[in-house]
Amino acid sequence: MRVLALPAVLIVIAALVFLLVILIRGAVRARPGGAAAQESRWEPHTEMENGWTLVAIRKVTQGRDGPVELARQTVRAIPDDDPHWDERYREAMQEARSRIATLELESK
């Protein structure tokens, strides 16, 4: 009888370890950074290059090595020497946020 007890105990322990591994993998996938975080989102973006400030929106998703840009729309280009730069930048950011809200509504 003792000869059969040892293999039975080892089989039960192996089954418990297997179930524990399955539960841990499921918990890792459910965390932020798992499958749910792979969804893309629109976000405002600003670039300054060659004397211009570009206000854009871009669709990004989280890749293995960081954010990956899937699409981009330029909202407005503002010359850096524009005397009304602050006002135009605020208007462009407001337009970018409005466009993001519209795109998010359309995608649902």
C-alpha atoms as a PDB file:
ATOM      1  CA  MET A   1       0.000   0.000   0.000  1.00  0.00           C
ATOM      2  CA  ARG A   2       2.882   2.386   0.755  1.00  0.00           C
ATOM      3  CA  VAL A   3       4.273   1.740  -2.696  1.00  0.00           C
ATOM      4  CA  LEU A   4       1.120   3.231  -4.260  1.00  0.00           C
ATOM      5  CA  ALA A   5       0.849   6.132  -1.815  1.00  0.00           C
ATOM      6  CA  LEU A   6       4.105   7.834  -2.870  1.00  0.00           C
ATOM      7  CA  PRO A   7       3.244   8.027  -6.624  1.00  0.00           C
ATOM      8  CA  ALA A   8      -0.283   9.203  -5.763  1.00  0.00           C
ATOM      9  CA  VAL A   9       1.089  12.042  -3.610  1.00  0.00           C
ATOM     10  CA  LEU A  10       3.542  13.048  -6.368  1.00  0.00           C
ATOM     11  CA  ILE A  11       0.715  13.127  -8.941  1.00  0.00           C
ATOM     12  CA  VAL A  12      -1.424  15.326  -6.668  1.00  0.00           C
ATOM     13  CA  ILE A  13       1.517  17.718  -6.068  1.00  0.00           C
ATOM     14  CA  ALA A  14       2.238  17.923  -9.812  1.00  0.00           C
ATOM     15  CA  ALA A  15      -1.438  18.681 -10.514  1.00  0.00           C
ATOM     16  CA  LEU A  16      -1.468  21.453  -7.893  1.00  0.00           C
ATOM     17  CA  VAL A  17       1.703  23.015  -9.323  1.00  0.00           C
ATOM     18  CA  PHE A  18       0.185  22.866 -12.822  1.00  0.00           C
ATOM     19  CA  LEU A  19      -3.017  24.597 -11.661  1.00  0.00           C
ATOM     20  CA  LEU A  20      -0.991  27.241  -9.823  1.00  0.00           C
ATOM     21  CA  VAL A  21       0.979  28.032 -13.002  1.00  0.00           C
ATOM     22  CA  ILE A  22      -2.260  28.368 -15.010  1.00  0.00           C
ATOM     23  CA  LEU A  23      -3.729  30.747 -12.412  1.00  0.00           C
ATOM     24  CA  ILE A  24      -0.595  32.905 -12.341  1.00  0.00           C
ATOM     25  CA  ARG A  25      -0.531  33.201 -16.156  1.00  0.00           C
ATOM     26  CA  GLY A  26      -4.186  34.252 -16.147  1.00  0.00           C
ATOM     27  CA  ALA A  27      -3.515  36.939 -13.534  1.00  0.00           C
ATOM     28  CA  VAL A  28      -0.590  38.342 -15.536  1.00  0.00           C
ATOM     29  CA  ARG A  29      -2.751  38.643 -18.666  1.00  0.00           C
ATOM     30  CA  ALA A  30      -5.496  40.438 -16.734  1.00  0.00           C
ATOM     31  CA  ARG A  31      -3.135  43.134 -15.416  1.00  0.00           C
ATOM     32  CA  PRO A  32      -2.502  46.439 -17.193  1.00  0.00           C
ATOM     33  CA  GLY A  33       0.043  45.625 -19.854  1.00  0.00           C
ATOM     34  CA  GLY A  34      -1.830  42.448 -20.755  1.00  0.00           C
ATOM     35  CA  ALA A  35      -4.220  41.997 -23.677  1.00  0.00           C
ATOM     36  CA  ALA A  36      -6.502  44.872 -22.625  1.00  0.00           C
ATOM     37  CA  ALA A  37      -3.628  47.360 -22.790  1.00  0.00           C
ATOM     38  CA  GLN A  38      -2.913  46.352 -26.398  1.00  0.00           C
ATOM     39  CA  GLU A  39      -5.884  48.387 -27.582  1.00  0.00           C
ATOM     40  CA  SER A  40      -5.016  51.550 -29.472  1.00  0.00           C
ATOM     41  CA  ARG A  41      -5.931  55.057 -28.355  1.00  0.00           C
ATOM     42  CA  TRP A  42      -5.794  58.577 -29.799  1.00  0.00           C
ATOM     43  CA  GLU A  43      -3.666  61.187 -28.021  1.00  0.00           C
ATOM     44  CA  PRO A  44      -2.615  64.802 -28.665  1.00  0.00           C
ATOM     45  CA  HIS A  45       0.989  65.332 -29.705  1.00  0.00           C
ATOM     46  CA  THR A  46       3.222  68.368 -30.220  1.00  0.00           C
ATOM     47  CA  GLU A  47       6.467  68.552 -32.211  1.00  0.00           C
ATOM     48  CA  MET A  48       8.778  71.500 -32.688  1.00  0.00           C
ATOM     49  CA  GLU A  49      10.961  71.381 -35.787  1.00  0.00           C
ATOM     50  CA  ASN A  50      12.501  73.780 -38.294  1.00  0.00           C
ATOM     51  CA  GLY A  51      10.870  76.872 -36.765  1.00  0.00           C
ATOM     52  CA  TRP A  52       7.389  75.369 -36.666  1.00  0.00           C
ATOM     53  CA  THR A  53       5.245  73.902 -33.911  1.00  0.00           C
ATOM     54  CA  LEU A  54       3.114  71.040 -35.178  1.00  0.00           C
ATOM     55  CA  VAL A  55       0.034  70.086 -33.189  1.00  0.00           C
ATOM     56  CA  ALA A  56      -1.177  66.626 -34.163  1.00  0.00           C
ATOM     57  CA  ILE A  57      -3.160  63.701 -32.910  1.00  0.00           C
ATOM     58  CA  ARG A  58      -1.836  60.199 -33.184  1.00  0.00           C
ATOM     59  CA  LYS A  59      -3.195  56.732 -32.685  1.00  0.00           C
ATOM     60  CA  VAL A  60      -0.828  54.653 -30.563  1.00  0.00           C
ATOM     61  CA  THR A  61      -0.704  51.206 -29.062  1.00  0.00           C
ATOM     62  CA  GLN A  62       1.708  49.652 -26.617  1.00  0.00           C
ATOM     63  CA  GLY A  63       4.309  47.469 -28.343  1.00  0.00           C
ATOM     64  CA  ARG A  64       7.063  45.323 -26.869  1.00  0.00           C
ATOM     65  CA  ASP A  65       9.567  48.174 -26.894  1.00  0.00           C
ATOM     66  CA  GLY A  66       7.179  51.000 -25.998  1.00  0.00           C
ATOM     67  CA  PRO A  67       4.460  52.984 -27.771  1.00  0.00           C
ATOM     68  CA  VAL A  68       3.948  52.336 -31.492  1.00  0.00           C
ATOM     69  CA  GLU A  69       2.341  54.995 -33.689  1.00  0.00           C
ATOM     70  CA  LEU A  70      -0.368  53.593 -35.954  1.00  0.00           C
ATOM     71  CA  ALA A  71      -1.752  56.800 -37.498  1.00  0.00           C
ATOM     72  CA  ARG A  72      -1.243  60.562 -37.337  1.00  0.00           C
ATOM     73  CA  GLN A  73      -3.293  63.610 -38.287  1.00  0.00           C
ATOM     74  CA  THR A  74      -1.814  67.102 -38.235  1.00  0.00           C
ATOM     75  CA  VAL A  75      -4.211  69.584 -36.672  1.00  0.00           C
ATOM     76  CA  ARG A  76      -2.262  72.798 -37.156  1.00  0.00           C
ATOM     77  CA  ALA A  77       1.224  74.134 -37.924  1.00  0.00           C
ATOM     78  CA  ILE A  78       2.192  77.339 -36.094  1.00  0.00           C
ATOM     79  CA  PRO A  79       5.326  79.356 -36.917  1.00  0.00           C
ATOM     80  CA  ASP A  80       7.522  79.744 -33.830  1.00  0.00           C
ATOM     81  CA  ASP A  81       7.909  83.492 -34.435  1.00  0.00           C
ATOM     82  CA  ASP A  82       4.125  84.116 -34.595  1.00  0.00           C
ATOM     83  CA  PRO A  83       3.257  86.960 -32.177  1.00  0.00           C
ATOM     84  CA  HIS A  84       0.018  85.150 -31.222  1.00  0.00           C
ATOM     85  CA  TRP A  85       1.694  81.760 -30.779  1.00  0.00           C
ATOM     86  CA  ASP A  86       0.235  81.080 -27.297  1.00  0.00           C
ATOM     87  CA  GLU A  87      -3.328  81.762 -28.385  1.00  0.00           C
ATOM     88  CA  ARG A  88      -3.007  79.710 -31.577  1.00  0.00           C
ATOM     89  CA  TYR A  89      -1.368  76.836 -29.691  1.00  0.00           C
ATOM     90  CA  ARG A  90      -4.223  76.716 -27.169  1.00  0.00           C
ATOM     91  CA  GLU A  91      -6.785  76.767 -30.006  1.00  0.00           C
ATOM     92  CA  ALA A  92      -4.928  73.972 -31.804  1.00  0.00           C
ATOM     93  CA  MET A  93      -4.806  71.816 -28.649  1.00  0.00           C
ATOM     94  CA  GLN A  94      -8.525  72.404 -28.092  1.00  0.00           C
ATOM     95  CA  GLU A  95      -9.219  71.356 -31.679  1.00  0.00           C
ATOM     96  CA  ALA A  96      -7.003  68.277 -31.229  1.00  0.00           C
ATOM     97  CA  ARG A  97      -8.891  67.190 -28.107  1.00  0.00           C
ATOM     98  CA  SER A  98     -12.210  67.750 -29.869  1.00  0.00           C
ATOM     99  CA  ARG A  99     -11.078  65.660 -32.839  1.00  0.00           C
ATOM    100  CA  ILE A 100      -9.925  62.878 -30.483  1.00  0.00           C
ATOM    101  CA  ALA A 101     -13.325  62.838 -28.780  1.00  0.00           C
ATOM    102  CA  THR A 102     -15.043  62.584 -32.171  1.00  0.00           C
ATOM    103  CA  LEU A 103     -12.794  59.754 -33.350  1.00  0.00           C
ATOM    104  CA  GLU A 104     -13.279  57.823 -30.110  1.00  0.00           C
ATOM    105  CA  LEU A 105     -17.065  58.150 -30.400  1.00  0.00           C
ATOM    106  CA  GLU A 106     -17.010  56.969 -34.003  1.00  0.00           C
ATOM    107  CA  SER A 107     -14.882  53.923 -33.160  1.00  0.00           C
ATOM    108  CA  LYS A 108     -17.388  52.550 -30.607  1.00  0.00           C
END
